[in-house]
C-alpha atoms as a PDB file:
ATOM      1  CA  MET A   1       0.104  -0.259  -0.171  1.00  0.00           C
ATOM      2  CA  SER A   2       1.267   3.425  -0.743  1.00  0.00           C
ATOM      3  CA  PHE A   3       2.388   6.053   1.039  1.00  0.00           C
ATOM      4  CA  LEU A   4      -0.888   8.347   0.107  1.00  0.00           C
ATOM      5  CA  ALA A   5      -3.164   5.570   0.422  1.00  0.00           C
ATOM      6  CA  ARG A   6      -2.358   4.960   3.943  1.00  0.00           C
ATOM      7  CA  LEU A   7      -2.959   8.751   4.765  1.00  0.00           C
ATOM      8  CA  LYS A   8      -5.903   9.046   2.400  1.00  0.00           C
ATOM      9  CA  GLU A   9      -8.025  10.124   5.227  1.00  0.00           C
ATOM     10  CA  THR A  10      -5.954  13.557   5.283  1.00  0.00           C
ATOM     11  CA  LEU A  11      -6.305  14.146   1.798  1.00  0.00           C
ATOM     12  CA  ASN A  12     -10.178  15.019   1.609  1.00  0.00           C
ATOM     13  CA  PRO A  13     -10.198  19.001   0.065  1.00  0.00           C
ATOM     14  CA  PHE A  14     -13.878  19.341   0.428  1.00  0.00           C
ATOM     15  CA  GLU A  15     -13.837  18.550   4.312  1.00  0.00           C
ATOM     16  CA  GLU A  16     -13.076  21.352   6.462  1.00  0.00           C
ATOM     17  CA  VAL A  17     -10.447  20.933   9.346  1.00  0.00           C
ATOM     18  CA  PRO A  18     -11.266  22.170  12.744  1.00  0.00           C
ATOM     19  CA  ASP A  19      -8.638  24.819  13.725  1.00  0.00           C
ATOM     20  CA  LYS A  20      -7.289  23.266  16.710  1.00  0.00           C
ATOM     21  CA  GLY A  21      -5.069  26.583  17.555  1.00  0.00           C
ATOM     22  CA  ALA A  22      -2.549  24.503  18.951  1.00  0.00           C
ATOM     23  CA  ALA A  23       0.191  25.908  16.903  1.00  0.00           C
ATOM     24  CA  ALA A  24       1.066  28.996  18.621  1.00  0.00           C
ATOM     25  CA  GLU A  25       1.045  27.229  21.884  1.00  0.00           C
ATOM     26  CA  THR A  26       3.401  24.918  20.508  1.00  0.00           C
ATOM     27  CA  GLU A  27       5.642  26.961  18.724  1.00  0.00           C
ATOM     28  CA  ASP A  28       6.644  28.748  22.352  1.00  0.00           C
ATOM     29  CA  ALA A  29       6.950  25.372  24.014  1.00  0.00           C
ATOM     30  CA  PRO A  30      10.767  24.778  25.157  1.00  0.00           C
ATOM     31  CA  GLU A  31      12.050  21.680  22.836  1.00  0.00           C
ATOM     32  CA  THR A  32      11.509  18.468  25.106  1.00  0.00           C
ATOM     33  CA  PRO A  33      12.884  15.169  24.180  1.00  0.00           C
ATOM     34  CA  VAL A  34      10.028  12.500  23.184  1.00  0.00           C
ATOM     35  CA  ARG A  35      10.130   8.618  22.372  1.00  0.00           C
ATOM     36  CA  THR A  36       9.427   8.383  18.847  1.00  0.00           C
ATOM     37  CA  GLY A  37      10.350   4.616  17.799  1.00  0.00           C
ATOM     38  CA  ARG A  38      13.374   5.467  15.577  1.00  0.00           C
ATOM     39  CA  GLY A  39      15.295   2.687  16.213  1.00  0.00           C
ATOM     40  CA  ARG A  40      15.246  -0.786  14.279  1.00  0.00           C
ATOM     41  CA  GLY A  41      13.180  -3.128  16.752  1.00  0.00           C
ATOM     42  CA  ALA A  42      14.014  -0.847  19.591  1.00  0.00           C
ATOM     43  CA  PRO A  43      10.999   0.371  21.422  1.00  0.00           C
ATOM     44  CA  SER A  44      11.726   3.835  21.614  1.00  0.00           C
ATOM     45  CA  VAL A  45      14.479   5.964  20.920  1.00  0.00           C
ATOM     46  CA  ILE A  46      14.923  10.313  21.875  1.00  0.00           C
ATOM     47  CA  PHE A  47      14.136  12.622  19.481  1.00  0.00           C
ATOM     48  CA  PRO A  48      13.614  16.298  19.627  1.00  0.00           C
ATOM     49  CA  LYS A  49       9.938  17.190  18.979  1.00  0.00           C
ATOM     50  CA  VAL A  50       9.974  20.556  16.820  1.00  0.00           C
ATOM     51  CA  ALA A  51       6.670  22.406  16.280  1.00  0.00           C
ATOM     52  CA  PRO A  52       5.054  22.516  13.047  1.00  0.00           C
ATOM     53  CA  THR A  53       5.439  26.259  12.109  1.00  0.00           C
ATOM     54  CA  ALA A  54       3.281  26.567   8.974  1.00  0.00           C
ATOM     55  CA  ALA A  55       0.305  28.827   9.279  1.00  0.00           C
ATOM     56  CA  GLY A  56      -3.128  27.081   8.577  1.00  0.00           C
ATOM     57  CA  VAL A  57      -1.743  23.588   8.685  1.00  0.00           C
ATOM     58  CA  ASP A  58      -3.890  21.132  10.940  1.00  0.00           C
ATOM     59  CA  ASP A  59      -1.325  19.939  13.493  1.00  0.00           C
ATOM     60  CA  GLY A  60      -2.703  16.260  13.448  1.00  0.00           C
ATOM     61  CA  THR A  61      -2.376  15.863   9.924  1.00  0.00           C
ATOM     62  CA  VAL A  62       1.413  17.033  10.294  1.00  0.00           C
ATOM     63  CA  ASP A  63       1.847  14.244  12.809  1.00  0.00           C
ATOM     64  CA  ASP A  64       0.547  11.975  11.314  1.00  0.00           C
ATOM     65  CA  PHE A  65       2.892  12.407   8.200  1.00  0.00           C
ATOM     66  CA  LEU A  66       5.660  13.090  10.239  1.00  0.00           C
ATOM     67  CA  LYS A  67       5.041   9.434  11.700  1.00  0.00           C
ATOM     68  CA  GLN A  68       4.276   7.739   8.651  1.00  0.00           C
ATOM     69  CA  LEU A  69       7.852   9.349   7.045  1.00  0.00           C
ATOM     70  CA  ARG A  70       9.880   8.020   9.898  1.00  0.00           C
ATOM     71  CA  ALA A  71       8.338   4.822   9.823  1.00  0.00           C
ATOM     72  CA  GLU A  72       9.038   4.620   5.782  1.00  0.00           C
ATOM     73  CA  THR A  73      12.452   5.931   6.301  1.00  0.00           C
ATOM     74  CA  ALA A  74      13.510   3.705   9.451  1.00  0.00           C
ATOM     75  CA  SER A  75      15.128   0.937   7.020  1.00  0.00           C
ATOM     76  CA  ARG A  76      17.629   3.263   5.525  1.00  0.00           C
ATOM     77  CA  ARG A  77      19.298   3.739   9.238  1.00  0.00           C
ATOM     78  CA  SER A  78      22.323   1.626   9.627  1.00  0.00           C
ATOM     79  CA  ALA A  79      22.381  -0.730  12.535  1.00  0.00           C
ATOM     80  CA  GLY A  80      25.139   1.179  14.038  1.00  0.00           C
ATOM     81  CA  HIS A  81      23.021   4.280  13.928  1.00  0.00           C
ATOM     82  CA  THR A  82      20.107   2.173  15.497  1.00  0.00           C
ATOM     83  CA  ALA A  83      22.502   0.810  18.119  1.00  0.00           C
ATOM     84  CA  PHE A  84      23.714   4.493  18.791  1.00  0.00           C
ATOM     85  CA  TYR A  85      20.029   5.833  19.742  1.00  0.00           C
ATOM     86  CA  GLU A  86      19.501   2.864  21.545  1.00  0.00           C
ATOM     87  CA  LYS A  87      22.413   3.596  24.261  1.00  0.00           C
ATOM     88  CA  LEU A  88      21.658   7.186  24.028  1.00  0.00           C
ATOM     89  CA  ASP A  89      18.111   6.292  24.972  1.00  0.00           C
ATOM     90  CA  ALA A  90      18.943   4.135  27.811  1.00  0.00           C
ATOM     91  CA  LEU A  91      21.640   6.645  28.860  1.00  0.00           C
ATOM     92  CA  VAL A  92      18.922   9.594  29.037  1.00  0.00           C
ATOM     93  CA  GLU A  93      18.214   9.155  32.876  1.00  0.00           C
ATOM     94  CA  PHE A  94      21.273   8.650  33.823  1.00  0.00           C
ATOM     95  CA  VAL A  95      23.385  11.201  31.904  1.00  0.00           C
ATOM     96  CA  PRO A  96      21.788  14.435  31.792  1.00  0.00           C
ATOM     97  CA  ASP A  97      24.265  16.588  29.960  1.00  0.00           C
ATOM     98  CA  PRO A  98      23.357  16.178  26.054  1.00  0.00           C
ATOM     99  CA  GLY A  99      27.198  16.240  25.001  1.00  0.00           C
ATOM    100  CA  SER A 100      28.417  13.939  27.884  1.00  0.00           C
ATOM    101  CA  ARG A 101      25.152  11.579  26.836  1.00  0.00           C
ATOM    102  CA  TYR A 102      26.348  11.566  23.364  1.00  0.00           C
ATOM    103  CA  LYS A 103      29.857  10.579  23.846  1.00  0.00           C
ATOM    104  CA  ALA A 104      28.962   7.952  26.332  1.00  0.00           C
ATOM    105  CA  ALA A 105      26.276   6.474  23.440  1.00  0.00           C
ATOM    106  CA  LEU A 106      29.140   6.550  20.999  1.00  0.00           C
ATOM    107  CA  LYS A 107      31.718   4.503  23.061  1.00  0.00           C
ATOM    108  CA  THR A 108      29.176   2.052  24.171  1.00  0.00           C
ATOM    109  CA  ALA A 109      27.871   1.729  20.618  1.00  0.00           C
ATOM    110  CA  LYS A 110      30.396  -0.690  19.550  1.00  0.00           C
ATOM    111  CA  GLY A 111      32.227   0.171  16.216  1.00  0.00           C
ATOM    112  CA  VAL A 112      30.210   3.319  15.493  1.00  0.00           C
ATOM    113  CA  THR A 113      31.862   6.158  14.360  1.00  0.00           C
ATOM    114  CA  ALA A 114      30.326  10.216  14.552  1.00  0.00           C
ATOM    115  CA  LYS A 115      30.709   9.754  10.580  1.00  0.00           C
ATOM    116  CA  ASP A 116      28.983   6.738  10.441  1.00  0.00           C
ATOM    117  CA  LEU A 117      26.281   8.333  11.614  1.00  0.00           C
ATOM    118  CA  LEU A 118      26.391  11.367   9.645  1.00  0.00           C
ATOM    119  CA  ALA A 119      26.265   8.811   6.534  1.00  0.00           C
ATOM    120  CA  SER A 120      23.103   7.221   8.041  1.00  0.00           C
ATOM    121  CA  ILE A 121      21.598  10.188   8.307  1.00  0.00           C
ATOM    122  CA  THR A 122      22.314  11.187   4.704  1.00  0.00           C
ATOM    123  CA  ALA A 123      20.591   7.829   3.351  1.00  0.00           C
ATOM    124  CA  VAL A 124      17.820   8.524   5.839  1.00  0.00           C
ATOM    125  CA  GLU A 125      17.451  11.869   4.013  1.00  0.00           C
ATOM    126  CA  THR A 126      18.150  10.421   0.462  1.00  0.00           C
ATOM    127  CA  ALA A 127      14.878   8.082   1.294  1.00  0.00           C
ATOM    128  CA  LEU A 128      13.305  10.989   2.491  1.00  0.00           C
ATOM    129  CA  GLY A 129      13.647  12.777  -0.957  1.00  0.00           C
ATOM    130  CA  GLU A 130      12.206   9.698  -2.473  1.00  0.00           C
ATOM    131  CA  GLU A 131       9.252   9.755  -0.150  1.00  0.00           C
ATOM    132  CA  SER A 132       8.606  13.172  -1.133  1.00  0.00           C
ATOM    133  CA  LYS A 133       9.150  12.513  -4.835  1.00  0.00           C
ATOM    134  CA  GLU A 134       6.482   9.496  -4.478  1.00  0.00           C
ATOM    135  CA  PHE A 135       3.722  11.695  -2.333  1.00  0.00           C
ATOM    136  CA  GLU A 136       3.876  14.389  -5.018  1.00  0.00           C
ATOM    137  CA  ALA A 137       3.184  12.105  -8.088  1.00  0.00           C
ATOM    138  CA  GLU A 138       0.038  10.396  -6.355  1.00  0.00           C
ATOM    139  CA  ILE A 139      -1.092  13.253  -4.701  1.00  0.00           C
ATOM    140  CA  GLY A 140      -0.574  15.802  -7.807  1.00  0.00           C
ATOM    141  CA  SER A 141      -2.124  12.390 -10.105  1.00  0.00           C
ATOM    142  CA  ALA A 142      -5.233  12.131  -7.319  1.00  0.00           C
ATOM    143  CA  GLU A 143      -5.709  16.182  -7.261  1.00  0.00           C
ATOM    144  CA  GLU A 144      -5.322  16.348 -10.899  1.00  0.00           C
ATOM    145  CA  ARG A 145      -8.430  13.678 -11.196  1.00  0.00           C
ATOM    146  CA  GLU A 146     -10.597  15.020  -8.511  1.00  0.00           C
ATOM    147  CA  VAL A 147     -10.147  19.019  -9.385  1.00  0.00           C
ATOM    148  CA  ILE A 148     -10.338  18.213 -12.768  1.00  0.00           C
ATOM    149  CA  GLY A 149     -13.773  15.892 -12.383  1.00  0.00           C
ATOM    150  CA  ALA A 150     -14.964  18.576 -10.281  1.00  0.00           C
ATOM    151  CA  ARG A 151     -14.279  21.621 -12.643  1.00  0.00           C
ATOM    152  CA  ALA A 152     -15.684  19.711 -15.476  1.00  0.00           C
ATOM    153  CA  GLU A 153     -18.921  19.180 -13.899  1.00  0.00           C
ATOM    154  CA  ALA A 154     -18.860  22.844 -12.563  1.00  0.00           C
ATOM    155  CA  GLU A 155     -18.820  23.998 -15.854  1.00  0.00           C
ATOM    156  CA  ALA A 156     -21.423  21.968 -16.770  1.00  0.00           C
ATOM    157  CA  ILE A 157     -23.711  23.373 -14.275  1.00  0.00           C
ATOM    158  CA  ASP A 158     -22.353  26.859 -15.140  1.00  0.00           C
ATOM    159  CA  GLY A 159     -24.023  26.023 -18.652  1.00  0.00           C
ATOM    160  CA  GLN A 160     -27.438  24.774 -17.230  1.00  0.00           C
ATOM    161  CA  ILE A 161     -27.828  27.773 -15.220  1.00  0.00           C
ATOM    162  CA  GLU A 162     -27.066  30.024 -18.356  1.00  0.00           C
ATOM    163  CA  THR A 163     -29.593  27.968 -20.318  1.00  0.00           C
ATOM    164  CA  LEU A 164     -31.685  27.942 -17.017  1.00  0.00           C
ATOM    165  CA  ASN A 165     -31.241  31.772 -16.842  1.00  0.00           C
ATOM    166  CA  GLN A 166     -32.474  32.063 -20.532  1.00  0.00           C
ATOM    167  CA  GLN A 167     -35.319  30.194 -20.198  1.00  0.00           C
ATOM    168  CA  LEU A 168     -36.295  32.233 -17.362  1.00  0.00           C
ATOM    169  CA  GLY A 169     -36.045  35.162 -19.013  1.00  0.00           C
ATOM    170  CA  GLU A 170     -38.514  33.551 -21.712  1.00  0.00           C
ATOM    171  CA  LEU A 171     -40.836  32.296 -19.284  1.00  0.00           C
ATOM    172  CA  ARG A 172     -41.023  35.684 -17.635  1.00  0.00           C
ATOM    173  CA  ALA A 173     -41.596  37.583 -20.412  1.00  0.00           C
ATOM    174  CA  LYS A 174     -44.196  34.872 -21.718  1.00  0.00           C
ATOM    175  CA  ARG A 175     -45.850  35.151 -18.060  1.00  0.00           C
ATOM    176  CA  THR A 176     -45.850  39.298 -18.559  1.00  0.00           C
ATOM    177  CA  SER A 177     -47.765  38.638 -21.941  1.00  0.00           C
ATOM    178  CA  LEU A 178     -49.881  36.168 -20.423  1.00  0.00           C
ATOM    179  CA  ALA A 179     -51.031  38.570 -17.789  1.00  0.00           C
ATOM    180  CA  GLY A 180     -51.647  41.740 -20.172  1.00  0.00           C
ATOM    181  CA  GLY A 181     -53.935  38.971 -22.201  1.00  0.00           C
ATOM    182  CA  ILE A 182     -55.795  37.936 -19.023  1.00  0.00           C
ATOM    183  CA  SER A 183     -56.397  41.862 -18.041  1.00  0.00           C
ATOM    184  CA  ASN A 184     -57.738  42.620 -20.982  1.00  0.00           C
ATOM    185  CA  ALA A 185     -59.811  39.533 -21.730  1.00  0.00           C
ATOM    186  CA  GLU A 186     -61.190  39.970 -18.223  1.00  0.00           C
ATOM    187  CA  ARG A 187     -62.168  43.871 -19.170  1.00  0.00           C
ATOM    188  CA  LYS A 188     -63.677  42.289 -22.458  1.00  0.00           C
ATOM    189  CA  TYR A 189     -65.874  39.768 -20.611  1.00  0.00           C
ATOM    190  CA  ALA A 190     -66.804  42.063 -18.042  1.00  0.00           C
ATOM    191  CA  GLY A 191     -67.969  44.469 -20.864  1.00  0.00           C
ATOM    192  CA  LEU A 192     -69.671  41.909 -22.534  1.00  0.00           C
ATOM    193  CA  ARG A 193     -71.545  40.058 -19.598  1.00  0.00           C
ATOM    194  CA  ALA A 194     -72.952  44.009 -18.891  1.00  0.00           C
ATOM    195  CA  ALA A 195     -73.925  44.833 -22.211  1.00  0.00           C
ATOM    196  CA  PHE A 196     -75.853  41.533 -22.387  1.00  0.00           C
ATOM    197  CA  SER A 197     -77.333  42.212 -18.745  1.00  0.00           C
ATOM    198  CA  LYS A 198     -78.629  46.005 -20.123  1.00  0.00           C
ATOM    199  CA  ALA A 199     -79.885  44.704 -23.137  1.00  0.00           C
ATOM    200  CA  LEU A 200     -81.255  42.076 -21.285  1.00  0.00           C
ATOM    201  CA  GLY A 201     -83.046  44.546 -19.132  1.00  0.00           C
ATOM    202  CA  THR A 202     -84.402  46.471 -22.155  1.00  0.00           C
ATOM    203  CA  PHE A 203     -86.073  43.505 -23.802  1.00  0.00           C
ATOM    204  CA  LYS A 204     -87.993  42.489 -20.752  1.00  0.00           C
ATOM    205  CA  ARG A 205     -88.961  46.278 -20.060  1.00  0.00           C
ATOM    206  CA  GLU A 206     -90.258  46.135 -24.007  1.00  0.00           C
ATOM    207  CA  LEU A 207     -91.922  42.503 -23.282  1.00  0.00           C
ATOM    208  CA  ASP A 208     -93.594  44.395 -20.001  1.00  0.00           C
ATOM    209  CA  ALA A 209     -94.841  47.287 -21.843  1.00  0.00           C
ATOM    210  CA  GLU A 210     -96.091  45.437 -24.915  1.00  0.00           C
ATOM    211  CA  ARG A 211     -98.105  42.997 -21.997  1.00  0.00           C
ATOM    212  CA  THR A 212     -99.355  46.003 -20.481  1.00  0.00           C
ATOM    213  CA  ASN A 213    -100.572  47.670 -24.186  1.00  0.00           C
ATOM    214  CA  ILE A 214    -102.273  44.223 -25.152  1.00  0.00           C
ATOM    215  CA  THR A 215    -103.994  43.931 -21.837  1.00  0.00           C
ATOM    216  CA  THR A 216    -104.789  47.929 -21.644  1.00  0.00           C
ATOM    217  CA  HIS A 217    -106.102  47.542 -24.972  1.00  0.00           C
ATOM    218  CA  LEU A 218    -107.850  44.560 -25.676  1.00  0.00           C
ATOM    219  CA  GLY A 219    -108.732  43.304 -22.583  1.00  0.00           C
END
């Protein structure tokens, strides 16, 4: 499983990550040794804690990546490098002075020199560069697929919105025309009803007059 796949839950760009506000607190914290499990087969070794400094970066995600990077590059440390840190770890409670502790650890880690340790660190840095290239290749590919897909969908929606806006304008114009037609029709039929009612009344009065004349003159 790839480095990116193991941490895919941290790569959702549409998920809001709450601001924990921890970066400011950790930046002012004193540098204290923490156990990180760097040694090959060893339960833990001493490593100085470094607070993240990038603004807006979630500390939890930084820690996840940091742990993964340490785990992925652990095999590049030489056996002597691992043995040195195991000795250094064992001496931390008995030799408080860092300089004395490092020298004592180097003496007890048989056959290891400072040059060996620096060469091992260089090997880890090389592995770190490889991890960085792998991560960028994978995240770049994933980002491209997701962003291109989302952008295409957004552009399609923009097109639909433009079409709907055009249809909406046409419907509004038709609605206005219909409203005017309805108003004219209502006035027309109201006028027809009024004219019919007036004619009906006039004709009824004519019939009443005709009845009156018949009964008056003819009995």
